[in-house]
C-alpha atoms as a PDB file:
ATOM      1  CA  MET A   1     -20.784  -1.494 -28.193  1.00  0.00           C
ATOM      2  CA  GLN A   2     -17.253  -2.279 -27.045  1.00  0.00           C
ATOM      3  CA  THR A   3     -15.858  -0.661 -23.912  1.00  0.00           C
ATOM      4  CA  THR A   4     -12.184  -0.083 -23.247  1.00  0.00           C
ATOM      5  CA  GLU A   5     -10.427   0.332 -19.938  1.00  0.00           C
ATOM      6  CA  ARG A   6      -8.662   3.667 -19.589  1.00  0.00           C
ATOM      7  CA  ARG A   7      -5.545   3.866 -17.472  1.00  0.00           C
ATOM      8  CA  VAL A   8      -4.818   7.109 -15.691  1.00  0.00           C
ATOM      9  CA  SER A   9      -1.172   8.047 -15.921  1.00  0.00           C
ATOM     10  CA  LYS A  10       0.761   9.918 -13.256  1.00  0.00           C
ATOM     11  CA  SER A  11       1.399  12.844 -15.626  1.00  0.00           C
ATOM     12  CA  HIS A  12      -2.307  12.965 -16.486  1.00  0.00           C
ATOM     13  CA  ILE A  13      -3.150  13.488 -12.815  1.00  0.00           C
ATOM     14  CA  ARG A  14      -0.302  15.934 -12.113  1.00  0.00           C
ATOM     15  CA  ASN A  15      -0.670  18.122 -15.161  1.00  0.00           C
ATOM     16  CA  ARG A  16      -4.427  18.611 -15.138  1.00  0.00           C
ATOM     17  CA  ILE A  17      -5.828  21.497 -13.181  1.00  0.00           C
ATOM     18  CA  LYS A  18      -9.154  20.558 -11.659  1.00  0.00           C
ATOM     19  CA  LYS A  19     -11.350  22.427  -9.269  1.00  0.00           C
ATOM     20  CA  VAL A  20     -13.365  21.232  -6.321  1.00  0.00           C
ATOM     21  CA  VAL A  21     -16.130  23.094  -4.545  1.00  0.00           C
ATOM     22  CA  ILE A  22     -16.327  23.502  -0.791  1.00  0.00           C
ATOM     23  CA  ARG A  23     -19.765  22.294   0.247  1.00  0.00           C
ATOM     24  CA  ASN A  24     -21.852  22.394   3.379  1.00  0.00           C
ATOM     25  CA  ARG A  25     -19.842  21.626   6.541  1.00  0.00           C
ATOM     26  CA  ASN A  26     -16.531  22.318   4.699  1.00  0.00           C
ATOM     27  CA  GLN A  27     -16.731  19.094   2.662  1.00  0.00           C
ATOM     28  CA  ILE A  28     -15.143  18.588  -0.735  1.00  0.00           C
ATOM     29  CA  THR A  29     -15.498  15.830  -3.313  1.00  0.00           C
ATOM     30  CA  LEU A  30     -12.237  14.602  -4.798  1.00  0.00           C
ATOM     31  CA  PRO A  31     -12.235  13.785  -8.517  1.00  0.00           C
ATOM     32  CA  ARG A  32     -12.780  10.095  -9.345  1.00  0.00           C
ATOM     33  CA  GLU A  33      -9.480   9.941 -11.249  1.00  0.00           C
ATOM     34  CA  TYR A  34      -7.571  10.874  -8.061  1.00  0.00           C
ATOM     35  CA  ILE A  35      -9.474   8.278  -6.023  1.00  0.00           C
ATOM     36  CA  ASP A  36      -8.824   5.609  -8.662  1.00  0.00           C
ATOM     37  CA  TYR A  37      -5.153   6.539  -9.027  1.00  0.00           C
ATOM     38  CA  VAL A  38      -4.273   6.424  -5.313  1.00  0.00           C
ATOM     39  CA  LYS A  39      -6.662   3.497  -4.688  1.00  0.00           C
ATOM     40  CA  VAL A  40      -8.580   4.881  -1.731  1.00  0.00           C
ATOM     41  CA  SER A  41     -12.225   4.449  -0.895  1.00  0.00           C
ATOM     42  CA  GLU A  42     -14.874   5.764   1.451  1.00  0.00           C
ATOM     43  CA  GLY A  43     -13.799   5.782   5.089  1.00  0.00           C
ATOM     44  CA  GLU A  44     -10.065   5.755   4.414  1.00  0.00           C
ATOM     45  CA  GLU A  45      -7.926   8.583   5.717  1.00  0.00           C
ATOM     46  CA  LEU A  46      -5.929  11.201   3.853  1.00  0.00           C
ATOM     47  CA  GLU A  47      -3.286  13.332   5.501  1.00  0.00           C
ATOM     48  CA  TYR A  48      -2.878  16.882   4.359  1.00  0.00           C
ATOM     49  CA  GLN A  49      -0.111  19.438   4.325  1.00  0.00           C
ATOM     50  CA  ILE A  50      -0.339  23.160   3.709  1.00  0.00           C
ATOM     51  CA  THR A  51       2.821  24.670   2.226  1.00  0.00           C
ATOM     52  CA  ASP A  52       4.044  28.218   2.791  1.00  0.00           C
ATOM     53  CA  ASP A  53       2.592  29.301  -0.559  1.00  0.00           C
ATOM     54  CA  GLY A  54      -0.872  27.974   0.379  1.00  0.00           C
ATOM     55  CA  THR A  55      -0.699  24.744  -1.618  1.00  0.00           C
ATOM     56  CA  LEU A  56      -2.821  21.998  -0.102  1.00  0.00           C
ATOM     57  CA  ILE A  57      -1.370  18.494  -0.501  1.00  0.00           C
ATOM     58  CA  PHE A  58      -3.364  15.316   0.190  1.00  0.00           C
ATOM     59  CA  LYS A  59      -1.753  11.885   0.622  1.00  0.00           C
ATOM     60  CA  PRO A  60      -3.362   8.554   1.534  1.00  0.00           C
ATOM     61  CA  VAL A  61      -2.597   7.307   5.036  1.00  0.00           C
ATOM     62  CA  VAL A  62      -1.412   3.714   5.079  1.00  0.00           C
ATOM     63  CA  THR A  63      -2.692   2.079   8.233  1.00  0.00           C
ATOM     64  CA  ILE A  64      -1.857  -1.368   9.484  1.00  0.00           C
ATOM     65  CA  PRO A  65      -4.629  -3.412  11.091  1.00  0.00           C
ATOM     66  CA  ARG A  66      -3.898  -4.118  14.755  1.00  0.00           C
ATOM     67  CA  ASP A  67      -3.904  -7.877  14.268  1.00  0.00           C
ATOM     68  CA  GLN A  68      -1.107  -7.518  11.658  1.00  0.00           C
ATOM     69  CA  ALA A  69       1.038  -4.923  13.423  1.00  0.00           C
ATOM     70  CA  TRP A  70       3.450  -7.554  14.820  1.00  0.00           C
ATOM     71  CA  PHE A  71       4.629  -8.314  11.281  1.00  0.00           C
ATOM     72  CA  TRP A  72       5.752  -4.726  10.745  1.00  0.00           C
ATOM     73  CA  THR A  73       7.802  -4.358  13.928  1.00  0.00           C
ATOM     74  CA  GLU A  74      11.477  -3.572  13.431  1.00  0.00           C
ATOM     75  CA  LYS A  75      12.500  -6.870  15.062  1.00  0.00           C
ATOM     76  CA  TRP A  76      10.228  -9.011  12.878  1.00  0.00           C
ATOM     77  CA  GLN A  77      11.295  -7.261   9.684  1.00  0.00           C
ATOM     78  CA  ALA A  78      14.974  -7.760  10.603  1.00  0.00           C
ATOM     79  CA  GLU A  79      14.294 -11.479  11.091  1.00  0.00           C
ATOM     80  CA  GLU A  80      12.462 -11.627   7.739  1.00  0.00           C
ATOM     81  CA  LYS A  81      15.528 -10.133   6.014  1.00  0.00           C
ATOM     82  CA  GLU A  82      17.776 -12.624   7.795  1.00  0.00           C
ATOM     83  CA  VAL A  83      15.691 -15.590   6.628  1.00  0.00           C
ATOM     84  CA  ASP A  84      15.535 -14.215   3.073  1.00  0.00           C
ATOM     85  CA  GLU A  85      19.337 -14.042   3.071  1.00  0.00           C
ATOM     86  CA  GLU A  86      19.600 -17.626   4.375  1.00  0.00           C
ATOM     87  CA  ILE A  87      17.275 -18.798   1.589  1.00  0.00           C
ATOM     88  CA  ARG A  88      19.355 -16.939  -1.035  1.00  0.00           C
ATOM     89  CA  ASN A  89      22.535 -18.545   0.331  1.00  0.00           C
ATOM     90  CA  GLY A  90      21.007 -22.025   0.184  1.00  0.00           C
ATOM     91  CA  GLU A  91      21.099 -22.438   3.974  1.00  0.00           C
ATOM     92  CA  ILE A  92      17.361 -23.150   4.092  1.00  0.00           C
ATOM     93  CA  ASN A  93      15.620 -25.532   1.731  1.00  0.00           C
ATOM     94  CA  GLU A  94      11.936 -25.510   0.990  1.00  0.00           C
ATOM     95  CA  PRO A  95      10.278 -28.910   1.479  1.00  0.00           C
ATOM     96  CA  ARG A  96       9.090 -30.337  -1.828  1.00  0.00           C
ATOM     97  CA  SER A  97       6.392 -32.528  -0.289  1.00  0.00           C
ATOM     98  CA  LEU A  98       4.526 -33.115   2.942  1.00  0.00           C
ATOM     99  CA  GLU A  99       6.803 -36.071   3.678  1.00  0.00           C
ATOM    100  CA  ASP A 100       9.916 -33.871   3.269  1.00  0.00           C
ATOM    101  CA  PHE A 101       8.374 -31.380   5.663  1.00  0.00           C
ATOM    102  CA  ILE A 102       7.607 -34.034   8.295  1.00  0.00           C
ATOM    103  CA  ASP A 103      11.111 -35.515   7.947  1.00  0.00           C
ATOM    104  CA  ALA A 104      12.625 -32.072   8.478  1.00  0.00           C
ATOM    105  CA  LEU A 105      10.502 -31.580  11.618  1.00  0.00           C
ATOM    106  CA  LYS A 106      11.653 -34.948  13.004  1.00  0.00           C
ATOM    107  CA  LYS A 107      15.274 -33.866  12.611  1.00  0.00           C
ATOM    108  CA  LEU A 108      14.792 -30.827  14.845  1.00  0.00           C
END
């Protein structure tokens, strides 16, 4: 028997009305297709919003591990953009070999 992978489209998720049941201790189980679509798993956080008309909206929370937070600071990201621009303008060349890299270091 041959199996095929089924992709879940955005419209498929948005346009289908599904129900969930509130269980013991106010817990709900989200449909697998939502979990697969937003790529979350057990232990991850979702934020929620309740609109004036009573609509409940869930969105995945993107968290940055502490040991990687430095990369996402405003200063670091500005420097990343600056270096990207220098590379685009040909101001920085990528070494093509280990010897090129060592030669470039010696010139500093």
